[in-house]
Amino acid sequence: MTSTLIWGTLTMGYIVKIKRKIERNLKELPDRVQDLFSQLIEDLREQGPIQPYWPNYGKLSENEYHCHLTYRYVACWRQEQGSISVEVYYVGSREKAPY
């Protein structure tokens, strides 16, 4: 069983889940990337998985998305169809991104 950190509440729109491993890895990323990631989380909570205003935003599959936080770092997330839950499953260098 994997543990998950949940950001958000039902009153905020969407529930954003972040795996604990990602939470730990964030601490190793530059402060600027951490700040941008926090902004992305807020946008995901308020507006859901479709984020066309983020740099290089794109749909990876029917329910998976990604965007660039900076030139070097990206975030990937997914939403189960019909759900208000969004799961961030990767934050890190674009060279190691799972797409």
C-alpha atoms as a PDB file:
ATOM      1  CA  MET A   1       0.000   0.000   0.000  1.00  0.00           C
ATOM      2  CA  THR A   2       1.379   3.407  -0.928  1.00  0.00           C
ATOM      3  CA  SER A   3       0.699   6.410   1.230  1.00  0.00           C
ATOM      4  CA  THR A   4      -0.648   9.583  -0.309  1.00  0.00           C
ATOM      5  CA  LEU A   5      -0.703  13.182   0.848  1.00  0.00           C
ATOM      6  CA  ILE A   6      -3.959  14.951  -0.015  1.00  0.00           C
ATOM      7  CA  TRP A   7      -4.018  18.676  -0.732  1.00  0.00           C
ATOM      8  CA  GLY A   8      -7.397  20.324  -0.973  1.00  0.00           C
ATOM      9  CA  THR A   9     -10.918  19.807   0.175  1.00  0.00           C
ATOM     10  CA  LEU A  10     -14.245  19.188  -1.468  1.00  0.00           C
ATOM     11  CA  THR A  11     -15.134  22.842  -1.042  1.00  0.00           C
ATOM     12  CA  MET A  12     -12.116  23.890  -3.130  1.00  0.00           C
ATOM     13  CA  GLY A  13     -13.259  22.092  -6.271  1.00  0.00           C
ATOM     14  CA  TYR A  14     -10.764  19.322  -6.947  1.00  0.00           C
ATOM     15  CA  ILE A  15      -8.819  17.114  -4.558  1.00  0.00           C
ATOM     16  CA  VAL A  16      -5.116  16.943  -5.429  1.00  0.00           C
ATOM     17  CA  LYS A  17      -3.223  13.865  -4.248  1.00  0.00           C
ATOM     18  CA  ILE A  18       0.557  13.797  -4.124  1.00  0.00           C
ATOM     19  CA  LYS A  19       2.441  10.605  -3.347  1.00  0.00           C
ATOM     20  CA  ARG A  20       4.747  10.886  -0.333  1.00  0.00           C
ATOM     21  CA  LYS A  21       7.742  10.004  -2.509  1.00  0.00           C
ATOM     22  CA  ILE A  22       7.102  13.103  -4.601  1.00  0.00           C
ATOM     23  CA  GLU A  23       6.710  15.187  -1.462  1.00  0.00           C
ATOM     24  CA  ARG A  24      10.146  14.014  -0.271  1.00  0.00           C
ATOM     25  CA  ASN A  25      11.742  14.552  -3.704  1.00  0.00           C
ATOM     26  CA  LEU A  26      10.412  18.104  -3.892  1.00  0.00           C
ATOM     27  CA  LYS A  27      12.729  19.115  -1.067  1.00  0.00           C
ATOM     28  CA  GLU A  28      15.701  18.360  -3.319  1.00  0.00           C
ATOM     29  CA  LEU A  29      14.478  20.600  -6.154  1.00  0.00           C
ATOM     30  CA  PRO A  30      15.419  24.300  -6.444  1.00  0.00           C
ATOM     31  CA  ASP A  31      13.277  26.757  -4.466  1.00  0.00           C
ATOM     32  CA  ARG A  32      11.928  28.323  -7.672  1.00  0.00           C
ATOM     33  CA  VAL A  33      10.666  24.926  -8.874  1.00  0.00           C
ATOM     34  CA  GLN A  34       9.072  24.240  -5.480  1.00  0.00           C
ATOM     35  CA  ASP A  35       7.270  27.607  -5.659  1.00  0.00           C
ATOM     36  CA  LEU A  36       6.036  26.919  -9.188  1.00  0.00           C
ATOM     37  CA  PHE A  37       4.868  23.463  -8.146  1.00  0.00           C
ATOM     38  CA  SER A  38       2.859  25.014  -5.302  1.00  0.00           C
ATOM     39  CA  GLN A  39       1.236  27.365  -7.820  1.00  0.00           C
ATOM     40  CA  LEU A  40       0.411  24.419 -10.073  1.00  0.00           C
ATOM     41  CA  ILE A  41      -1.200  22.573  -7.144  1.00  0.00           C
ATOM     42  CA  GLU A  42      -3.387  25.609  -6.428  1.00  0.00           C
ATOM     43  CA  ASP A  43      -4.409  25.786 -10.096  1.00  0.00           C
ATOM     44  CA  LEU A  44      -5.206  22.066 -10.142  1.00  0.00           C
ATOM     45  CA  ARG A  45      -7.323  22.440  -6.992  1.00  0.00           C
ATOM     46  CA  GLU A  46      -9.230  25.403  -8.341  1.00  0.00           C
ATOM     47  CA  GLN A  47      -9.541  24.549 -12.061  1.00  0.00           C
ATOM     48  CA  GLY A  48      -8.953  20.825 -12.421  1.00  0.00           C
ATOM     49  CA  PRO A  49      -6.577  18.845 -14.634  1.00  0.00           C
ATOM     50  CA  ILE A  50      -6.779  20.975 -17.786  1.00  0.00           C
ATOM     51  CA  GLN A  51      -4.139  23.703 -17.433  1.00  0.00           C
ATOM     52  CA  PRO A  52      -3.585  25.313 -20.865  1.00  0.00           C
ATOM     53  CA  TYR A  53      -1.849  28.404 -19.441  1.00  0.00           C
ATOM     54  CA  TRP A  54       1.106  26.461 -18.056  1.00  0.00           C
ATOM     55  CA  PRO A  55       4.190  26.243 -20.341  1.00  0.00           C
ATOM     56  CA  ASN A  56       4.229  23.227 -22.636  1.00  0.00           C
ATOM     57  CA  TYR A  57       0.991  21.915 -21.151  1.00  0.00           C
ATOM     58  CA  GLY A  58      -0.113  18.795 -22.963  1.00  0.00           C
ATOM     59  CA  LYS A  59      -2.330  15.780 -22.771  1.00  0.00           C
ATOM     60  CA  LEU A  60      -0.284  12.580 -22.512  1.00  0.00           C
ATOM     61  CA  SER A  61      -3.240  10.192 -22.770  1.00  0.00           C
ATOM     62  CA  GLU A  62      -6.975  10.250 -22.236  1.00  0.00           C
ATOM     63  CA  ASN A  63      -6.564  11.054 -18.534  1.00  0.00           C
ATOM     64  CA  GLU A  64      -2.890  12.074 -18.101  1.00  0.00           C
ATOM     65  CA  TYR A  65      -1.383  15.541 -18.483  1.00  0.00           C
ATOM     66  CA  HIS A  66       1.907  17.355 -18.024  1.00  0.00           C
ATOM     67  CA  CYS A  67       3.462  20.816 -18.077  1.00  0.00           C
ATOM     68  CA  HIS A  68       6.859  22.414 -17.644  1.00  0.00           C
ATOM     69  CA  LEU A  69       7.596  24.159 -14.386  1.00  0.00           C
ATOM     70  CA  THR A  70      10.834  25.466 -15.889  1.00  0.00           C
ATOM     71  CA  TYR A  71      12.822  24.476 -18.963  1.00  0.00           C
ATOM     72  CA  ARG A  72      14.391  21.631 -17.000  1.00  0.00           C
ATOM     73  CA  TYR A  73      11.582  20.467 -14.679  1.00  0.00           C
ATOM     74  CA  VAL A  74       8.134  19.044 -15.395  1.00  0.00           C
ATOM     75  CA  ALA A  75       5.088  17.793 -13.518  1.00  0.00           C
ATOM     76  CA  CYS A  76       2.743  14.989 -14.592  1.00  0.00           C
ATOM     77  CA  TRP A  77      -0.734  14.265 -13.248  1.00  0.00           C
ATOM     78  CA  ARG A  78      -3.809  12.162 -13.976  1.00  0.00           C
ATOM     79  CA  GLN A  79      -7.513  12.270 -13.314  1.00  0.00           C
ATOM     80  CA  GLU A  80      -9.871   9.323 -13.296  1.00  0.00           C
ATOM     81  CA  GLN A  81     -12.739  10.031 -15.642  1.00  0.00           C
ATOM     82  CA  GLY A  82     -15.678  11.657 -13.872  1.00  0.00           C
ATOM     83  CA  SER A  83     -13.703  12.093 -10.646  1.00  0.00           C
ATOM     84  CA  ILE A  84     -12.867  15.288  -8.757  1.00  0.00           C
ATOM     85  CA  SER A  85      -9.569  13.724  -7.708  1.00  0.00           C
ATOM     86  CA  VAL A  86      -6.302  14.645  -9.459  1.00  0.00           C
ATOM     87  CA  GLU A  87      -3.141  12.652  -8.688  1.00  0.00           C
ATOM     88  CA  VAL A  88       0.309  14.129  -9.273  1.00  0.00           C
ATOM     89  CA  TYR A  89       2.539  11.168 -10.104  1.00  0.00           C
ATOM     90  CA  TYR A  90       5.785  12.839 -11.209  1.00  0.00           C
ATOM     91  CA  VAL A  91       7.732  16.028 -10.530  1.00  0.00           C
ATOM     92  CA  GLY A  92      11.328  16.244 -11.641  1.00  0.00           C
ATOM     93  CA  SER A  93      13.672  16.644 -14.556  1.00  0.00           C
ATOM     94  CA  ARG A  94      12.164  16.375 -18.003  1.00  0.00           C
ATOM     95  CA  GLU A  95      14.918  13.943 -18.992  1.00  0.00           C
ATOM     96  CA  LYS A  96      13.567  11.386 -16.501  1.00  0.00           C
ATOM     97  CA  ALA A  97       9.864  12.093 -17.079  1.00  0.00           C
ATOM     98  CA  PRO A  98       7.738   8.953 -17.513  1.00  0.00           C
ATOM     99  CA  TYR A  99       6.438   9.794 -20.979  1.00  0.00           C
END
